[in-house]
Amino acid sequence: MDYVSALLPPVVMAAFFIGLVVTIVKSQGGPNKSKEDAAVDAAIARAEAAQEQGRTPDPRGA
């Protein structure tokens, strides 16, 4: 019975890991993909705009 107690934790962890990967893969895409992509694009645009506003013009014109 020692082999059962030695193998049980890795088997359980492997099963949970496989379930996690399956859940992640299933949640990608689907009907909400365009909303998620739009939210990311908007966040990137806001970050770039804030970065541009924070810059001072280069006095050398470069």
N, C-alpha and C. Protein backbone atom coordinates (compact mmCIF):
# COMPACT_ATOMS: atom_id res chain seq x y z
N MET A 1 0.82 -1.21 0.00
CA MET A 1 0.00 0.00 0.00
C MET A 1 0.85 1.26 0.00
N ASP A 2 2.16 1.11 0.22
CA ASP A 2 3.03 2.28 0.21
C ASP A 2 3.06 2.93 -1.17
N TYR A 3 2.99 2.09 -2.22
CA TYR A 3 3.03 2.65 -3.57
C TYR A 3 1.79 3.48 -3.86
N VAL A 4 0.66 3.13 -3.29
CA VAL A 4 -0.56 3.91 -3.49
C VAL A 4 -0.43 5.28 -2.83
N SER A 5 0.08 5.31 -1.60
CA SER A 5 0.24 6.59 -0.93
C SER A 5 1.34 7.42 -1.58
N ALA A 6 2.31 6.79 -2.25
CA ALA A 6 3.37 7.52 -2.94
C ALA A 6 2.87 8.09 -4.26
N LEU A 7 1.98 7.41 -4.92
CA LEU A 7 1.50 7.85 -6.23
C LEU A 7 0.28 8.76 -6.17
N LEU A 8 -0.44 8.74 -5.08
CA LEU A 8 -1.68 9.51 -5.00
C LEU A 8 -1.46 11.02 -5.15
N PRO A 9 -0.54 11.66 -4.43
CA PRO A 9 -0.38 13.12 -4.59
C PRO A 9 -0.03 13.56 -6.02
N PRO A 10 0.93 12.90 -6.71
CA PRO A 10 1.20 13.34 -8.08
C PRO A 10 0.01 13.14 -9.02
N VAL A 11 -0.73 12.07 -8.83
CA VAL A 11 -1.89 11.82 -9.69
C VAL A 11 -2.96 12.89 -9.44
N VAL A 12 -3.19 13.23 -8.20
CA VAL A 12 -4.18 14.26 -7.87
C VAL A 12 -3.74 15.61 -8.43
N MET A 13 -2.45 15.95 -8.27
CA MET A 13 -1.97 17.23 -8.80
C MET A 13 -2.06 17.25 -10.32
N ALA A 14 -1.76 16.14 -10.97
CA ALA A 14 -1.87 16.07 -12.43
C ALA A 14 -3.32 16.26 -12.87
N ALA A 15 -4.25 15.67 -12.16
CA ALA A 15 -5.67 15.81 -12.52
C ALA A 15 -6.12 17.27 -12.37
N PHE A 16 -5.71 17.92 -11.27
CA PHE A 16 -6.08 19.33 -11.10
C PHE A 16 -5.43 20.20 -12.17
N PHE A 17 -4.18 19.91 -12.52
CA PHE A 17 -3.49 20.69 -13.55
C PHE A 17 -4.17 20.53 -14.90
N ILE A 18 -4.54 19.33 -15.24
CA ILE A 18 -5.25 19.09 -16.51
C ILE A 18 -6.58 19.84 -16.50
N GLY A 19 -7.29 19.81 -15.38
CA GLY A 19 -8.55 20.55 -15.29
C GLY A 19 -8.34 22.05 -15.44
N LEU A 20 -7.26 22.56 -14.85
CA LEU A 20 -6.94 23.99 -14.98
C LEU A 20 -6.66 24.36 -16.43
N VAL A 21 -5.86 23.56 -17.11
CA VAL A 21 -5.54 23.83 -18.52
C VAL A 21 -6.80 23.77 -19.37
N VAL A 22 -7.63 22.78 -19.15
CA VAL A 22 -8.88 22.66 -19.93
C VAL A 22 -9.77 23.87 -19.69
N THR A 23 -9.87 24.32 -18.45
CA THR A 23 -10.68 25.50 -18.14
C THR A 23 -10.14 26.74 -18.83
N ILE A 24 -8.83 26.93 -18.81
CA ILE A 24 -8.22 28.09 -19.46
C ILE A 24 -8.47 28.05 -20.96
N VAL A 25 -8.27 26.90 -21.57
CA VAL A 25 -8.46 26.78 -23.02
C VAL A 25 -9.91 27.03 -23.40
N LYS A 26 -10.84 26.50 -22.61
CA LYS A 26 -12.26 26.70 -22.93
C LYS A 26 -12.70 28.14 -22.75
N SER A 27 -12.05 28.88 -21.86
CA SER A 27 -12.46 30.26 -21.63
C SER A 27 -11.87 31.23 -22.65
N GLN A 28 -10.97 30.77 -23.50
CA GLN A 28 -10.39 31.63 -24.53
C GLN A 28 -11.35 31.71 -25.71
N GLY A 29 -11.45 32.89 -26.27
CA GLY A 29 -12.31 33.05 -27.43
C GLY A 29 -13.77 33.07 -27.06
N GLY A 30 -14.60 32.57 -27.93
CA GLY A 30 -16.02 32.51 -27.66
C GLY A 30 -16.70 33.85 -27.93
N PRO A 31 -17.94 33.99 -27.45
CA PRO A 31 -18.72 35.19 -27.76
C PRO A 31 -18.18 36.46 -27.10
N ASN A 32 -17.42 36.33 -26.02
CA ASN A 32 -16.91 37.52 -25.34
C ASN A 32 -15.53 37.96 -25.83
N LYS A 33 -14.98 37.27 -26.81
CA LYS A 33 -13.63 37.58 -27.27
C LYS A 33 -13.53 39.00 -27.79
N SER A 34 -14.50 39.46 -28.55
CA SER A 34 -14.42 40.81 -29.10
C SER A 34 -14.50 41.86 -28.00
N LYS A 35 -15.32 41.60 -26.97
CA LYS A 35 -15.41 42.54 -25.85
C LYS A 35 -14.09 42.58 -25.08
N GLU A 36 -13.48 41.41 -24.87
CA GLU A 36 -12.22 41.36 -24.16
C GLU A 36 -11.13 42.07 -24.95
N ASP A 37 -11.08 41.83 -26.27
CA ASP A 37 -10.08 42.48 -27.11
C ASP A 37 -10.28 43.99 -27.12
N ALA A 38 -11.53 44.44 -27.16
CA ALA A 38 -11.80 45.87 -27.15
C ALA A 38 -11.38 46.50 -25.83
N ALA A 39 -11.60 45.80 -24.74
CA ALA A 39 -11.21 46.33 -23.43
C ALA A 39 -9.69 46.45 -23.33
N VAL A 40 -8.98 45.46 -23.83
CA VAL A 40 -7.51 45.51 -23.81
C VAL A 40 -7.02 46.63 -24.71
N ASP A 41 -7.58 46.76 -25.90
CA ASP A 41 -7.17 47.83 -26.81
C ASP A 41 -7.42 49.20 -26.20
N ALA A 42 -8.54 49.37 -25.52
CA ALA A 42 -8.84 50.66 -24.88
C ALA A 42 -7.87 50.95 -23.74
N ALA A 43 -7.52 49.94 -22.97
CA ALA A 43 -6.56 50.14 -21.87
C ALA A 43 -5.19 50.51 -22.41
N ILE A 44 -4.78 49.88 -23.49
CA ILE A 44 -3.48 50.21 -24.10
C ILE A 44 -3.51 51.63 -24.65
N ALA A 45 -4.60 52.01 -25.29
CA ALA A 45 -4.72 53.37 -25.83
C ALA A 45 -4.66 54.41 -24.71
N ARG A 46 -5.35 54.14 -23.59
CA ARG A 46 -5.30 55.07 -22.46
C ARG A 46 -3.88 55.19 -21.90
N ALA A 47 -3.19 54.07 -21.79
CA ALA A 47 -1.82 54.09 -21.26
C ALA A 47 -0.89 54.85 -22.19
N GLU A 48 -1.05 54.66 -23.50
CA GLU A 48 -0.20 55.38 -24.45
C GLU A 48 -0.51 56.87 -24.43
N ALA A 49 -1.78 57.22 -24.30
CA ALA A 49 -2.16 58.64 -24.26
C ALA A 49 -1.60 59.30 -23.00
N ALA A 50 -1.66 58.62 -21.89
CA ALA A 50 -1.12 59.17 -20.65
C ALA A 50 0.38 59.32 -20.74
N GLN A 51 1.03 58.39 -21.40
CA GLN A 51 2.48 58.46 -21.56
C GLN A 51 2.85 59.64 -22.47
N GLU A 52 2.08 59.85 -23.51
CA GLU A 52 2.35 60.96 -24.43
C GLU A 52 2.14 62.31 -23.72
N GLN A 53 1.13 62.41 -22.88
CA GLN A 53 0.86 63.66 -22.17
C GLN A 53 1.96 63.96 -21.16
N GLY A 54 2.58 62.92 -20.62
CA GLY A 54 3.60 63.11 -19.61
C GLY A 54 4.94 63.52 -20.19
N ARG A 55 5.13 63.39 -21.47
CA ARG A 55 6.41 63.73 -22.11
C ARG A 55 6.50 65.23 -22.34
N THR A 56 7.71 65.73 -22.20
CA THR A 56 7.96 67.13 -22.55
C THR A 56 8.60 67.16 -23.92
N PRO A 57 8.35 68.18 -24.70
CA PRO A 57 8.95 68.25 -26.04
C PRO A 57 10.47 68.34 -25.94
N ASP A 58 11.13 67.67 -26.86
CA ASP A 58 12.59 67.69 -26.90
C ASP A 58 13.05 69.03 -27.46
N PRO A 59 13.87 69.78 -26.73
CA PRO A 59 14.29 71.10 -27.21
C PRO A 59 15.14 71.03 -28.47
N ARG A 60 15.74 69.90 -28.74
CA ARG A 60 16.57 69.76 -29.94
C ARG A 60 15.73 69.44 -31.17
N GLY A 61 14.47 69.15 -30.97
CA GLY A 61 13.57 68.88 -32.10
C GLY A 61 13.68 67.44 -32.61
N ALA A 62 14.27 66.60 -31.87
CA ALA A 62 14.45 65.22 -32.31
C ALA A 62 13.28 64.37 -31.92
